[in-house]
Structure formats: C-alpha cells, structure tokens
C-alpha cells in the first residue's frame, strides 16, 4: 500500500463510460500540477472483464494498470498515484463496450 499526503484541491471530473473497444480518453491534464490519486471502475456486466489503463504522453500509450474487474462490481484503485505532466492524458481500453465506467480522482496541487 502507498500512503501519501497531497496539498491542493480536487478537480471535478466526469465519469466516462467506455463505448468502444479502441483506447478511450479518460482525462486530459490541464496543468503540470495535477496528480491522479485514484480511479473508480464500475463493471455492470454479468462477467468479470479485463480493464487496461494507460498514460499517454502525447505520442504513445504506456500501460499503467491492468486488472480483471469482477462481475457487477466496483473497484477503487488508490495504490497507483500518477503525476500528470503537460500534454499527458489517461486512457483506457476494454474488450466489451457500454458496461465499464471509469472516474478518475484528480488533485490539483497548489
């Protein structure tokens, strides 16, 4: 487990339902002072599904987190804080559409 204290305020983010099997943008960084401190993944499907989360540096996706999310369950990942740099974004990919929703928790450091 990673434990950390962050100063700053939360950025209001929007839940993103994955509607394609292609890589989908989850959050695009606006400043250098942002950290993704957690993300919530909801699986509405009757089967467990693999979810891949990537960090894109403006050029390519780099696998950051991958896990099978149990059927009809919610997974909250807090052990993988990620500092977002200028031009970086968080993307995700799944094999089954319209049943996975991802919501990042972003902190803007002051």
C-alpha atoms as a PDB file:
ATOM      1  CA  UNK A   1       0.000   0.000   0.000  1.00  0.00           C
ATOM      2  CA  UNK A   2       1.178   3.502  -0.847  1.00  0.00           C
ATOM      3  CA  UNK A   3       0.277   6.234   1.605  1.00  0.00           C
ATOM      4  CA  UNK A   4       0.666   9.890   0.684  1.00  0.00           C
ATOM      5  CA  UNK A   5      -0.480  13.344   1.698  1.00  0.00           C
ATOM      6  CA  UNK A   6      -1.268  15.866  -1.032  1.00  0.00           C
ATOM      7  CA  UNK A   7      -1.922  19.569  -0.683  1.00  0.00           C
ATOM      8  CA  UNK A   8      -4.324  21.227  -3.089  1.00  0.00           C
ATOM      9  CA  UNK A   9      -7.880  20.715  -4.229  1.00  0.00           C
ATOM     10  CA  UNK A  10      -9.880  18.144  -6.116  1.00  0.00           C
ATOM     11  CA  UNK A  11     -10.631  18.681  -9.793  1.00  0.00           C
ATOM     12  CA  UNK A  12     -14.196  17.871 -10.780  1.00  0.00           C
ATOM     13  CA  UNK A  13     -14.058  15.011 -13.271  1.00  0.00           C
ATOM     14  CA  UNK A  14     -16.753  13.315 -15.309  1.00  0.00           C
ATOM     15  CA  UNK A  15     -17.371   9.554 -15.284  1.00  0.00           C
ATOM     16  CA  UNK A  16     -16.530   8.060 -18.692  1.00  0.00           C
ATOM     17  CA  UNK A  17     -18.487   5.063 -19.973  1.00  0.00           C
ATOM     18  CA  UNK A  18     -16.325   3.110 -22.416  1.00  0.00           C
ATOM     19  CA  UNK A  19     -18.292   2.868 -25.682  1.00  0.00           C
ATOM     20  CA  UNK A  20     -15.632   1.401 -27.977  1.00  0.00           C
ATOM     21  CA  UNK A  21     -13.001  -1.326 -27.889  1.00  0.00           C
ATOM     22  CA  UNK A  22     -10.429   1.250 -29.019  1.00  0.00           C
ATOM     23  CA  UNK A  23      -8.460   3.280 -26.498  1.00  0.00           C
ATOM     24  CA  UNK A  24     -10.705   5.927 -24.901  1.00  0.00           C
ATOM     25  CA  UNK A  25      -9.635   9.205 -23.280  1.00  0.00           C
ATOM     26  CA  UNK A  26     -10.458   9.282 -19.570  1.00  0.00           C
ATOM     27  CA  UNK A  27      -8.769  12.548 -18.523  1.00  0.00           C
ATOM     28  CA  UNK A  28      -6.518  15.103 -20.201  1.00  0.00           C
ATOM     29  CA  UNK A  29      -4.141  17.077 -17.974  1.00  0.00           C
ATOM     30  CA  UNK A  30      -4.563  20.819 -17.964  1.00  0.00           C
ATOM     31  CA  UNK A  31      -1.505  21.757 -15.904  1.00  0.00           C
ATOM     32  CA  UNK A  32       1.718  20.319 -14.523  1.00  0.00           C
ATOM     33  CA  UNK A  33       0.301  20.444 -11.005  1.00  0.00           C
ATOM     34  CA  UNK A  34      -2.161  17.568 -11.334  1.00  0.00           C
ATOM     35  CA  UNK A  35      -1.954  14.093  -9.819  1.00  0.00           C
ATOM     36  CA  UNK A  36      -4.326  11.213 -10.464  1.00  0.00           C
ATOM     37  CA  UNK A  37      -4.628   9.919  -6.896  1.00  0.00           C
ATOM     38  CA  UNK A  38      -7.175   7.187  -7.626  1.00  0.00           C
ATOM     39  CA  UNK A  39      -9.719   5.916 -10.087  1.00  0.00           C
ATOM     40  CA  UNK A  40     -13.018   4.114  -9.728  1.00  0.00           C
ATOM     41  CA  UNK A  41     -14.004   1.410 -12.222  1.00  0.00           C
ATOM     42  CA  UNK A  42     -17.577   0.123 -12.356  1.00  0.00           C
ATOM     43  CA  UNK A  43     -18.340  -3.137 -14.172  1.00  0.00           C
ATOM     44  CA  UNK A  44     -22.064  -3.512 -14.965  1.00  0.00           C
ATOM     45  CA  UNK A  45     -21.552  -6.779 -16.867  1.00  0.00           C
ATOM     46  CA  UNK A  46     -22.523 -10.241 -15.586  1.00  0.00           C
ATOM     47  CA  UNK A  47     -18.931 -11.441 -16.181  1.00  0.00           C
ATOM     48  CA  UNK A  48     -15.554 -10.257 -14.948  1.00  0.00           C
ATOM     49  CA  UNK A  49     -13.848  -8.013 -17.507  1.00  0.00           C
ATOM     50  CA  UNK A  50     -10.233  -7.015 -18.080  1.00  0.00           C
ATOM     51  CA  UNK A  51      -9.598  -3.266 -17.974  1.00  0.00           C
ATOM     52  CA  UNK A  52      -6.351  -1.630 -19.108  1.00  0.00           C
ATOM     53  CA  UNK A  53      -5.451   1.924 -18.065  1.00  0.00           C
ATOM     54  CA  UNK A  54      -2.712   3.785 -19.921  1.00  0.00           C
ATOM     55  CA  UNK A  55      -0.793   7.031 -19.619  1.00  0.00           C
ATOM     56  CA  UNK A  56      -0.396   8.787 -22.943  1.00  0.00           C
ATOM     57  CA  UNK A  57       2.482  11.265 -23.198  1.00  0.00           C
ATOM     58  CA  UNK A  58       1.102  12.877 -26.350  1.00  0.00           C
ATOM     59  CA  UNK A  59       2.755  10.279 -28.563  1.00  0.00           C
ATOM     60  CA  UNK A  60       2.004   6.791 -27.314  1.00  0.00           C
ATOM     61  CA  UNK A  61       0.059   4.843 -24.697  1.00  0.00           C
ATOM     62  CA  UNK A  62       2.081   3.197 -21.916  1.00  0.00           C
ATOM     63  CA  UNK A  63       0.346   0.525 -19.846  1.00  0.00           C
ATOM     64  CA  UNK A  64      -0.065   1.815 -16.291  1.00  0.00           C
ATOM     65  CA  UNK A  65      -2.567  -0.545 -14.682  1.00  0.00           C
ATOM     66  CA  UNK A  66      -4.386  -3.690 -15.763  1.00  0.00           C
ATOM     67  CA  UNK A  67      -6.754  -5.907 -13.854  1.00  0.00           C
ATOM     68  CA  UNK A  68      -9.867  -8.028 -14.134  1.00  0.00           C
ATOM     69  CA  UNK A  69     -12.816  -6.238 -12.556  1.00  0.00           C
ATOM     70  CA  UNK A  70     -15.321  -8.713 -11.045  1.00  0.00           C
ATOM     71  CA  UNK A  71     -18.856  -9.009 -12.444  1.00  0.00           C
ATOM     72  CA  UNK A  72     -21.323  -6.361 -11.245  1.00  0.00           C
ATOM     73  CA  UNK A  73     -18.709  -4.804  -9.008  1.00  0.00           C
ATOM     74  CA  UNK A  74     -16.837  -1.577  -8.368  1.00  0.00           C
ATOM     75  CA  UNK A  75     -13.075  -1.408  -7.973  1.00  0.00           C
ATOM     76  CA  UNK A  76     -11.367   1.655  -6.486  1.00  0.00           C
ATOM     77  CA  UNK A  77      -7.627   1.827  -7.146  1.00  0.00           C
ATOM     78  CA  UNK A  78      -5.717   4.059  -4.733  1.00  0.00           C
ATOM     79  CA  UNK A  79      -2.276   2.418  -4.746  1.00  0.00           C
ATOM     80  CA  UNK A  80      -1.049   3.919  -8.014  1.00  0.00           C
ATOM     81  CA  UNK A  81      -0.826   7.737  -7.809  1.00  0.00           C
ATOM     82  CA  UNK A  82       0.360   9.263 -11.067  1.00  0.00           C
ATOM     83  CA  UNK A  83       1.835  12.744 -11.655  1.00  0.00           C
ATOM     84  CA  UNK A  84       0.495  14.135 -14.907  1.00  0.00           C
ATOM     85  CA  UNK A  85       2.810  16.280 -16.991  1.00  0.00           C
ATOM     86  CA  UNK A  86       1.912  18.819 -19.694  1.00  0.00           C
ATOM     87  CA  UNK A  87       0.203  17.081 -22.586  1.00  0.00           C
ATOM     88  CA  UNK A  88      -0.313  13.813 -20.720  1.00  0.00           C
ATOM     89  CA  UNK A  89      -3.662  12.078 -20.557  1.00  0.00           C
ATOM     90  CA  UNK A  90      -5.171   8.961 -19.057  1.00  0.00           C
ATOM     91  CA  UNK A  91      -6.740   6.490 -21.468  1.00  0.00           C
ATOM     92  CA  UNK A  92      -8.376   3.093 -21.042  1.00  0.00           C
ATOM     93  CA  UNK A  93      -9.326   0.076 -23.102  1.00  0.00           C
ATOM     94  CA  UNK A  94     -11.777  -2.791 -22.591  1.00  0.00           C
ATOM     95  CA  UNK A  95     -12.972  -5.696 -24.703  1.00  0.00           C
ATOM     96  CA  UNK A  96     -16.710  -5.267 -24.026  1.00  0.00           C
ATOM     97  CA  UNK A  97     -18.410  -1.925 -24.598  1.00  0.00           C
ATOM     98  CA  UNK A  98     -21.087   0.014 -22.676  1.00  0.00           C
ATOM     99  CA  UNK A  99     -20.583  -1.809 -19.347  1.00  0.00           C
ATOM    100  CA  UNK A 100     -17.417  -0.219 -17.886  1.00  0.00           C
ATOM    101  CA  UNK A 101     -17.368   3.298 -16.407  1.00  0.00           C
ATOM    102  CA  UNK A 102     -14.155   4.912 -15.150  1.00  0.00           C
ATOM    103  CA  UNK A 103     -13.954   8.002 -12.949  1.00  0.00           C
ATOM    104  CA  UNK A 104     -10.516   9.412 -12.070  1.00  0.00           C
ATOM    105  CA  UNK A 105      -9.880  11.384  -8.884  1.00  0.00           C
ATOM    106  CA  UNK A 106      -7.565  14.261  -9.825  1.00  0.00           C
ATOM    107  CA  UNK A 107      -5.865  16.535  -7.341  1.00  0.00           C
ATOM    108  CA  UNK A 108      -4.515  19.914  -8.421  1.00  0.00           C
ATOM    109  CA  UNK A 109      -1.537  20.678  -6.224  1.00  0.00           C
ATOM    110  CA  UNK A 110      -1.171  24.255  -5.068  1.00  0.00           C
END
